[in-house]
C-alpha atoms as a PDB file:
ATOM      1  CA  MET A   1     -13.188   2.300  40.415  1.00  0.00           C
ATOM      2  CA  VAL A   2      -9.259   2.973  40.936  1.00  0.00           C
ATOM      3  CA  ALA A   3      -6.607   2.969  38.243  1.00  0.00           C
ATOM      4  CA  ALA A   4      -3.754   1.403  39.151  1.00  0.00           C
ATOM      5  CA  ALA A   5      -0.197   3.173  37.243  1.00  0.00           C
ATOM      6  CA  SER A   6       3.121   1.275  37.164  1.00  0.00           C
ATOM      7  CA  VAL A   7       5.560   3.628  37.453  1.00  0.00           C
ATOM      8  CA  ARG A   8       9.274   3.183  37.353  1.00  0.00           C
ATOM      9  CA  ALA A   9      12.147   4.549  39.228  1.00  0.00           C
ATOM     10  CA  SER A  10      14.909   6.342  37.830  1.00  0.00           C
ATOM     11  CA  ARG A  11      18.146   3.813  37.986  1.00  0.00           C
ATOM     12  CA  CYS A  12      20.481   5.783  39.955  1.00  0.00           C
ATOM     13  CA  TRP A  13      17.939   7.106  42.898  1.00  0.00           C
ATOM     14  CA  ALA A  14      16.196   3.977  42.614  1.00  0.00           C
ATOM     15  CA  ARG A  15      16.530   1.535  45.615  1.00  0.00           C
ATOM     16  CA  PRO A  16      18.096  -1.283  44.201  1.00  0.00           C
ATOM     17  CA  ASN A  17      15.784  -4.453  44.707  1.00  0.00           C
ATOM     18  CA  PHE A  18      12.834  -2.688  46.645  1.00  0.00           C
ATOM     19  CA  VAL A  19       9.330  -2.713  45.483  1.00  0.00           C
ATOM     20  CA  ASP A  20       7.157  -0.287  47.065  1.00  0.00           C
ATOM     21  CA  HIS A  21       3.477  -1.483  47.773  1.00  0.00           C
ATOM     22  CA  ARG A  22       1.807   1.447  48.614  1.00  0.00           C
ATOM     23  CA  ILE A  23      -0.728   2.885  46.517  1.00  0.00           C
ATOM     24  CA  THR A  24      -0.322   5.443  43.538  1.00  0.00           C
ATOM     25  CA  ASP A  25      -1.832   7.091  40.661  1.00  0.00           C
ATOM     26  CA  GLN A  26      -0.510   9.445  37.927  1.00  0.00           C
ATOM     27  CA  SER A  27      -1.091  12.780  40.026  1.00  0.00           C
ATOM     28  CA  SER A  28       1.479  10.759  42.125  1.00  0.00           C
ATOM     29  CA  VAL A  29       4.320  12.414  40.097  1.00  0.00           C
ATOM     30  CA  VAL A  30       3.011  15.803  40.008  1.00  0.00           C
ATOM     31  CA  ARG A  31       2.701  15.117  44.282  1.00  0.00           C
ATOM     32  CA  PHE A  32       6.414  13.758  43.744  1.00  0.00           C
ATOM     33  CA  ILE A  33       7.484  17.355  41.938  1.00  0.00           C
ATOM     34  CA  GLU A  34       5.789  19.663  44.441  1.00  0.00           C
ATOM     35  CA  ASP A  35       7.694  17.993  47.291  1.00  0.00           C
ATOM     36  CA  ASN A  36      10.471  17.318  45.591  1.00  0.00           C
ATOM     37  CA  TRP A  37      11.066  21.363  44.842  1.00  0.00           C
ATOM     38  CA  GLY A  38       9.101  22.718  48.009  1.00  0.00           C
ATOM     39  CA  LEU A  39       5.832  23.685  45.036  1.00  0.00           C
ATOM     40  CA  PRO A  40       2.988  24.469  46.612  1.00  0.00           C
ATOM     41  CA  ARG A  41      -0.612  22.093  45.670  1.00  0.00           C
ATOM     42  CA  ILE A  42      -2.370  23.294  43.182  1.00  0.00           C
ATOM     43  CA  GLY A  43      -5.692  22.526  44.211  1.00  0.00           C
ATOM     44  CA  ASN A  44      -9.237  23.901  42.687  1.00  0.00           C
ATOM     45  CA  GLY A  45      -9.955  19.786  43.189  1.00  0.00           C
ATOM     46  CA  SER A  46      -6.801  18.617  41.918  1.00  0.00           C
ATOM     47  CA  THR A  47      -5.990  15.110  43.098  1.00  0.00           C
ATOM     48  CA  ASP A  48      -2.393  15.661  43.863  1.00  0.00           C
ATOM     49  CA  ALA A  49      -2.883  16.566  47.402  1.00  0.00           C
ATOM     50  CA  ILE A  50      -4.087  12.682  48.777  1.00  0.00           C
ATOM     51  CA  ALA A  51      -1.759  11.016  45.899  1.00  0.00           C
ATOM     52  CA  GLY A  52       0.201   8.787  47.372  1.00  0.00           C
ATOM     53  CA  SER A  53       3.666   9.276  47.789  1.00  0.00           C
ATOM     54  CA  LEU A  54       6.510   8.257  45.484  1.00  0.00           C
ATOM     55  CA  ASN A  55       9.697   8.755  48.044  1.00  0.00           C
ATOM     56  CA  GLY A  56      10.012   5.345  48.791  1.00  0.00           C
ATOM     57  CA  MET A  57      11.034   4.647  45.814  1.00  0.00           C
ATOM     58  CA  PHE A  58      13.950   6.564  45.602  1.00  0.00           C
ATOM     59  CA  ASP A  59      17.172   6.591  48.160  1.00  0.00           C
ATOM     60  CA  PHE A  60      18.251  10.721  48.047  1.00  0.00           C
ATOM     61  CA  SER A  61      20.817   9.417  51.059  1.00  0.00           C
ATOM     62  CA  GLY A  62      24.364   9.505  48.633  1.00  0.00           C
ATOM     63  CA  ARG A  63      25.183   5.948  49.605  1.00  0.00           C
ATOM     64  CA  THR A  64      26.537   3.939  47.664  1.00  0.00           C
ATOM     65  CA  ARG A  65      24.335   2.951  44.236  1.00  0.00           C
ATOM     66  CA  SER A  66      24.036  -0.520  42.296  1.00  0.00           C
ATOM     67  CA  GLY A  67      25.896  -1.224  39.262  1.00  0.00           C
ATOM     68  CA  ARG A  68      24.369  -1.853  36.197  1.00  0.00           C
ATOM     69  CA  VAL A  69      23.305  -4.817  34.191  1.00  0.00           C
ATOM     70  CA  PHE A  70      23.600  -5.286  30.672  1.00  0.00           C
ATOM     71  CA  LEU A  71      21.005  -7.696  29.508  1.00  0.00           C
ATOM     72  CA  ASP A  72      20.731 -10.050  26.414  1.00  0.00           C
ATOM     73  CA  PRO A  73      18.173  -8.523  23.868  1.00  0.00           C
ATOM     74  CA  THR A  74      16.869 -11.717  23.091  1.00  0.00           C
ATOM     75  CA  THR A  75      16.684 -13.636  25.716  1.00  0.00           C
ATOM     76  CA  GLY A  76      16.760 -11.406  28.881  1.00  0.00           C
ATOM     77  CA  GLN A  77      19.355 -13.112  30.665  1.00  0.00           C
ATOM     78  CA  ILE A  78      22.285 -10.821  32.370  1.00  0.00           C
ATOM     79  CA  ARG A  79      25.206 -11.098  29.280  1.00  0.00           C
ATOM     80  CA  ALA A  80      27.126  -8.047  32.063  1.00  0.00           C
ATOM     81  CA  ALA A  81      26.789  -5.644  34.775  1.00  0.00           C
ATOM     82  CA  ASP A  82      29.221  -3.383  36.524  1.00  0.00           C
ATOM     83  CA  GLN A  83      30.409  -3.077  39.977  1.00  0.00           C
ATOM     84  CA  ASN A  84      28.725  -0.967  42.615  1.00  0.00           C
ATOM     85  CA  GLN A  85      28.837   2.250  41.813  1.00  0.00           C
ATOM     86  CA  ASP A  86      29.686   5.575  44.427  1.00  0.00           C
END
C-alpha cells in the first residue's frame, strides 16, 4: 500500500502554475532538508534514502517570482493581485 501525501511548496520559491507528478511521501520532506543543507541520510532503515525528491516543486534560481493573489474568503474569487516580484 502506498500512502499519498499532499505537499504545498512555500509561495516565494514555488514554481508558478506547476504541478509535480513525481511520487513523494512524508519522508520526502526529510530528504529535501538533507539535500538542501548537505546533510547525510539518516540510515538504519529510514525511508529518506528512497524517498522522492521535492526539488522539482521549487525554483531557487532567483528569477522573477509570481506576485500575490488575494481571494475573497467567502467565494474564493480573486479580489486583487500584486504585480510580479523581483
